[in-house]
Amino acid sequence: MDGKHYKLFSPGAIASIILFAAALASCKNAPNETVIAPTPTIPEATPILPTDTISPTSTPTQLPTTSTQSPYAFPALIDPAKRYLFYLHGKIIEDQGLPAFSPDYGEYEYEAILETLNGYGFVVISEIRPKNTHGVAYAKKIAGQAAALLEAGVPAKNITVVGASKGAAIAVYVSHFLENKAVNFVILAICHLDEVAVLIQEQISLYGNVLSIYDSNDEFAGSCRDLFAFSEGKGIGKYDEVVLNLGMGHGILYMPLDQWIIPVIQWAGKE
């Protein structure tokens, strides 16, 4: 995905969550995609089991930001009255940094996506992950940040996690680790049949309100209906799926198209 096919798993080669985590860390994907590196307290090489607990890395109202330069770093001070949106980009940005360019889909308009989401009044939280970020470890980091927002008094319905391609795979794990039935999740261009099969095999179920979006022409993504069905009765709240027919395949992730931006905003409760 994002230039090369991002595979959450290597079909048939993963018998345990440790092997799955390793596969996620080194997964391929569409020409060039990415996300943020785990903090020093979460070793990138350490496998994280679904039973691990999630806890903030520091006090809920004053967490260290990843970068004092970025307006999208995790806020040092948390306002419980605001709405927060995490955006987890695709792997191409991990591979190339910015600018990231796919010969198939063009430039990944990361900044434009963040600015568009920010324009709807969210406190947008996003960072550029280092190359070969350990996806499961990074999911634990994001779950910890979401838990910090909750402990600071932010209502769960005012927290949304949006992931694209590898970022969506990470978001699945954030949902599973956080175990909150009211936090919102949007997973873009994920749920390839092989990936869903391994998630179910490893007992990775979804929690919260989950929206899936993908383009019908995307060879790297598919319907999340089987994962939704598996998650019923385990913590998933409402769920839905939007299938776009733009003919752009995985390329929908590369720009802030209204066709996926508006459903994200609506799912987050802003419209």
Protein backbone atom coordinates (compact mmCIF):
# COMPACT_ATOMS: atom_id res chain seq x y z
CA MET A 1 0.00 0.00 0.00
CA ASP A 2 1.11 3.50 -0.69
CA GLY A 3 3.14 2.54 -3.70
CA LYS A 4 3.96 -1.00 -2.75
CA HIS A 5 1.45 -3.36 -1.25
CA TYR A 6 1.47 -2.96 2.51
CA LYS A 7 0.74 -6.37 3.92
CA LEU A 8 -0.23 -6.50 7.57
CA PHE A 9 0.89 -10.09 7.63
CA SER A 10 2.79 -12.71 5.68
CA PRO A 11 -0.01 -15.28 5.04
CA GLY A 12 0.64 -18.65 6.60
CA ALA A 13 3.90 -17.54 8.15
CA ILE A 14 2.53 -16.11 11.37
CA ALA A 15 1.57 -18.47 14.16
CA SER A 16 1.78 -16.09 17.05
CA ILE A 17 1.36 -12.45 17.87
CA ILE A 18 5.13 -12.08 18.12
CA LEU A 19 5.58 -13.18 14.53
CA PHE A 20 2.70 -10.97 13.47
CA ALA A 21 4.24 -7.96 15.19
CA ALA A 22 7.51 -8.62 13.41
CA ALA A 23 5.72 -8.86 10.09
CA LEU A 24 3.93 -5.57 10.72
CA ALA A 25 7.20 -3.85 11.51
CA SER A 26 8.74 -4.87 8.22
CA CYS A 27 5.63 -4.94 6.03
CA LYS A 28 5.78 -3.90 2.43
CA ASN A 29 3.38 -1.45 1.00
CA ALA A 30 2.58 0.71 -1.94
CA PRO A 31 5.54 2.71 -3.18
CA ASN A 32 6.68 4.43 0.00
CA GLU A 33 4.60 5.02 3.23
CA THR A 34 5.17 5.82 7.04
CA VAL A 35 4.36 6.65 10.80
CA ILE A 36 6.06 7.77 14.14
CA ALA A 37 8.66 5.94 16.20
CA PRO A 38 7.86 4.64 19.66
CA THR A 39 9.12 6.58 22.65
CA PRO A 40 12.17 5.30 24.53
CA THR A 41 9.83 3.62 27.02
CA ILE A 42 8.47 1.36 24.26
CA PRO A 43 11.37 -0.55 22.68
CA GLU A 44 10.71 -1.00 18.98
CA ALA A 45 11.92 -4.58 19.07
CA THR A 46 9.76 -5.66 22.01
CA PRO A 47 6.67 -7.66 20.98
CA ILE A 48 3.47 -6.48 22.68
CA LEU A 49 0.75 -8.98 23.45
CA PRO A 50 -2.95 -8.08 23.24
CA THR A 51 -3.24 -8.55 27.01
CA ASP A 52 -0.74 -5.80 27.77
CA THR A 53 -2.22 -2.91 29.70
CA ILE A 54 -2.21 0.63 28.34
CA SER A 55 -1.20 3.50 30.55
CA PRO A 56 -0.12 7.10 29.91
CA THR A 57 3.61 7.72 29.76
CA SER A 58 3.27 10.65 32.18
CA THR A 59 0.66 12.76 33.94
CA PRO A 60 -2.53 13.16 31.88
CA THR A 61 -2.55 16.94 31.69
CA GLN A 62 1.10 17.48 30.85
CA LEU A 63 2.68 14.98 28.49
CA PRO A 64 5.90 15.66 26.59
CA THR A 65 5.40 16.57 22.95
CA THR A 66 7.24 14.71 20.23
CA SER A 67 8.48 17.91 18.65
CA THR A 68 8.31 21.48 19.89
CA GLN A 69 8.34 22.56 16.23
CA SER A 70 5.28 20.66 15.02
CA PRO A 71 1.80 22.14 15.52
CA TYR A 72 0.50 18.55 15.40
CA ALA A 73 2.57 17.14 18.26
CA PHE A 74 0.73 15.64 21.23
CA PRO A 75 -0.34 18.65 23.33
CA ALA A 76 1.52 19.43 26.52
CA LEU A 77 -1.70 20.79 28.01
CA ILE A 78 -5.02 19.04 27.42
CA ASP A 79 -8.31 20.94 27.17
CA PRO A 80 -11.17 18.52 27.98
CA ALA A 81 -13.59 20.73 26.05
CA LYS A 82 -11.88 20.18 22.69
CA ARG A 83 -12.12 17.36 20.15
CA TYR A 84 -8.97 15.39 19.35
CA LEU A 85 -8.11 13.52 16.17
CA PHE A 86 -5.07 11.29 15.67
CA TYR A 87 -3.97 10.87 12.05
CA LEU A 88 -1.70 7.89 11.33
CA HIS A 89 -0.20 8.15 7.85
CA GLY A 90 0.75 5.43 5.36
CA LYS A 91 4.07 3.64 5.17
CA ILE A 92 5.41 5.60 2.19
CA ILE A 93 6.20 8.50 4.51
CA GLU A 94 8.15 6.15 6.78
CA ASP A 95 10.16 5.05 3.76
CA GLN A 96 10.78 8.44 2.14
CA GLY A 97 10.06 11.14 4.68
CA LEU A 98 8.63 14.31 3.17
CA PRO A 99 7.99 14.87 0.39
CA ALA A 100 6.86 11.30 -0.30
CA PHE A 101 6.07 10.42 -3.88
CA SER A 102 4.61 7.27 -5.41
CA PRO A 103 5.02 6.62 -9.15
CA ASP A 104 1.51 5.14 -9.09
CA TYR A 105 -0.36 7.62 -6.92
CA GLY A 106 1.70 10.82 -6.93
CA GLU A 107 2.68 12.87 -3.90
CA TYR A 108 1.33 11.96 -0.49
CA GLU A 109 -0.22 15.29 0.54
CA TYR A 110 0.39 14.80 4.24
CA GLU A 111 0.40 18.46 5.25
CA ALA A 112 -2.71 19.20 3.19
CA ILE A 113 -4.53 16.31 4.88
CA LEU A 114 -3.61 17.59 8.34
CA GLU A 115 -4.59 21.15 7.48
CA THR A 116 -7.94 19.97 6.11
CA LEU A 117 -8.74 17.97 9.24
CA ASN A 118 -7.57 20.82 11.45
CA GLY A 119 -9.90 23.15 9.55
CA TYR A 120 -12.89 21.29 10.99
CA GLY A 121 -11.95 22.34 14.51
CA PHE A 122 -10.08 19.30 15.74
CA VAL A 123 -6.88 19.29 17.71
CA VAL A 124 -5.03 17.16 15.17
CA ILE A 125 -2.25 14.92 16.50
CA SER A 126 0.17 13.42 13.99
CA GLU A 127 3.85 12.83 13.47
CA ILE A 128 6.16 11.33 10.89
CA ARG A 129 7.20 7.86 11.97
CA PRO A 130 10.79 6.69 11.44
CA LYS A 131 11.51 4.09 8.79
CA ASN A 132 10.49 0.54 9.71
CA THR A 133 8.52 1.64 12.75
CA HIS A 134 7.39 -1.32 14.83
CA GLY A 135 3.64 -1.10 14.21
CA VAL A 136 2.37 -2.91 17.29
CA ALA A 137 4.70 -1.01 19.64
CA TYR A 138 3.63 2.24 18.04
CA ALA A 139 -0.02 1.29 18.53
CA LYS A 140 0.68 0.93 22.24
CA LYS A 141 2.15 4.43 22.27
CA ILE A 142 -0.93 5.94 20.61
CA ALA A 143 -3.24 3.99 22.91
CA GLY A 144 -1.31 5.45 25.84
CA GLN A 145 -1.81 8.97 24.49
CA ALA A 146 -5.52 8.34 23.99
CA ALA A 147 -5.72 7.01 27.55
CA ALA A 148 -4.03 10.22 28.73
CA LEU A 149 -6.73 12.29 27.02
CA LEU A 150 -9.41 10.21 28.72
CA GLU A 151 -7.77 10.58 32.14
CA ALA A 152 -7.56 14.33 31.59
CA GLY A 153 -11.34 14.45 31.22
CA VAL A 154 -11.79 14.38 27.44
CA PRO A 155 -15.01 12.45 26.68
CA ALA A 156 -14.36 9.28 24.70
CA LYS A 157 -16.76 10.42 21.98
CA ASN A 158 -14.50 13.43 21.39
CA ILE A 159 -11.48 11.26 20.50
CA THR A 160 -11.05 9.89 16.97
CA VAL A 161 -8.19 7.80 15.59
CA VAL A 162 -7.83 7.85 11.79
CA GLY A 163 -5.35 5.51 10.12
CA ALA A 164 -4.41 5.07 6.44
CA SER A 165 -2.97 1.79 5.13
CA LYS A 166 -0.19 0.86 7.59
CA GLY A 167 -1.62 3.60 9.78
CA ALA A 168 -4.97 1.78 9.64
CA ALA A 169 -3.29 -1.46 10.69
CA ILE A 170 -1.83 0.42 13.65
CA ALA A 171 -5.27 1.90 14.41
CA VAL A 172 -6.74 -1.62 14.62
CA TYR A 173 -4.25 -2.39 17.38
CA VAL A 174 -4.88 0.95 19.11
CA SER A 175 -8.55 0.01 19.24
CA HIS A 176 -7.74 -3.44 20.61
CA PHE A 177 -5.29 -2.19 23.25
CA LEU A 178 -7.37 0.79 24.42
CA GLU A 179 -10.51 -1.32 24.98
CA ASN A 180 -12.82 1.70 25.04
CA LYS A 181 -16.28 1.23 23.58
CA ALA A 182 -16.91 4.92 22.84
CA VAL A 183 -13.70 6.15 21.13
CA ASN A 184 -14.08 6.61 17.36
CA PHE A 185 -11.88 4.91 14.76
CA VAL A 186 -11.65 5.28 10.98
CA ILE A 187 -9.56 2.72 9.12
CA LEU A 188 -8.73 3.62 5.52
CA ALA A 189 -7.73 1.04 2.89
CA ILE A 190 -7.10 -1.99 5.04
CA CYS A 191 -8.81 -5.37 5.64
CA HIS A 192 -7.24 -7.42 2.88
CA LEU A 193 -8.63 -10.96 3.26
CA ASP A 194 -5.26 -12.36 4.36
CA GLU A 195 -4.79 -9.63 6.94
CA VAL A 196 -8.27 -10.10 8.40
CA ALA A 197 -7.70 -13.86 8.64
CA VAL A 198 -4.56 -13.38 10.71
CA LEU A 199 -6.19 -10.77 12.97
CA ILE A 200 -9.01 -13.18 13.70
CA GLN A 201 -6.58 -16.05 14.21
CA GLU A 202 -4.70 -13.95 16.76
CA GLN A 203 -7.93 -12.88 18.50
CA ILE A 204 -7.48 -9.19 17.65
CA SER A 205 -10.96 -7.71 17.98
CA LEU A 206 -12.06 -4.11 17.56
CA TYR A 207 -13.35 -1.82 20.29
CA GLY A 208 -15.18 1.49 19.92
CA ASN A 209 -17.06 2.93 16.97
CA VAL A 210 -15.31 1.84 13.78
CA LEU A 211 -15.73 3.09 10.21
CA SER A 212 -13.97 1.40 7.29
CA ILE A 213 -13.37 3.26 4.01
CA TYR A 214 -11.76 1.88 0.87
CA ASP A 215 -11.95 2.24 -2.89
CA SER A 216 -13.49 -0.62 -4.85
CA ASN A 217 -10.48 -0.59 -7.18
CA ASP A 218 -7.94 -1.08 -4.37
CA GLU A 219 -6.12 -4.39 -4.79
CA PHE A 220 -4.51 -3.99 -1.38
CA ALA A 221 -7.68 -3.45 0.67
CA GLY A 222 -11.14 -4.90 1.07
CA SER A 223 -14.19 -5.16 3.29
CA CYS A 224 -13.83 -5.31 7.07
CA ARG A 225 -17.17 -7.11 7.49
CA ASP A 226 -15.55 -10.34 8.77
CA LEU A 227 -13.49 -8.42 11.34
CA PHE A 228 -16.62 -6.51 12.38
CA ALA A 229 -18.52 -9.77 12.81
CA PHE A 230 -15.68 -11.28 14.84
CA SER A 231 -15.63 -8.20 17.09
CA GLU A 232 -19.34 -8.24 17.92
CA GLY A 233 -19.99 -8.82 21.60
CA LYS A 234 -16.35 -8.09 22.48
CA GLY A 235 -16.35 -4.30 22.70
CA ILE A 236 -17.17 -2.90 19.28
CA GLY A 237 -19.90 -0.27 19.31
CA LYS A 238 -21.43 0.98 16.10
CA TYR A 239 -19.64 0.19 12.85
CA ASP A 240 -20.07 0.92 9.17
CA GLU A 241 -18.23 0.76 5.88
CA VAL A 242 -17.98 3.17 2.95
CA VAL A 243 -16.95 1.76 -0.43
CA LEU A 244 -15.83 4.45 -2.86
CA ASN A 245 -16.00 3.96 -6.60
CA LEU A 246 -13.45 6.53 -7.69
CA GLY A 247 -11.24 4.06 -9.54
CA MET A 248 -8.21 5.44 -7.68
CA GLY A 249 -7.48 2.36 -5.61
CA HIS A 250 -4.94 3.02 -2.87
CA GLY A 251 -4.46 6.52 -4.29
CA ILE A 252 -7.42 7.88 -2.33
CA LEU A 253 -5.13 8.08 0.69
CA TYR A 254 -2.73 10.48 -0.95
CA MET A 255 -4.91 13.58 -0.89
CA PRO A 256 -7.65 15.11 1.26
CA LEU A 257 -10.56 14.02 -0.93
CA ASP A 258 -14.01 15.05 0.26
CA GLN A 259 -15.17 11.52 -0.47
CA TRP A 260 -13.29 10.23 2.59
CA ILE A 261 -12.73 13.41 4.58
CA ILE A 262 -16.47 14.15 5.00
CA PRO A 263 -17.32 10.63 6.28
CA VAL A 264 -14.41 10.94 8.74
CA ILE A 265 -15.73 14.27 10.03
CA GLN A 266 -19.25 12.92 10.34
CA TRP A 267 -18.05 9.79 12.13
CA ALA A 268 -16.14 11.94 14.58
CA GLY A 269 -19.35 13.77 15.39
CA LYS A 270 -18.44 17.15 13.93
CA GLU A 271 -21.34 17.32 11.44
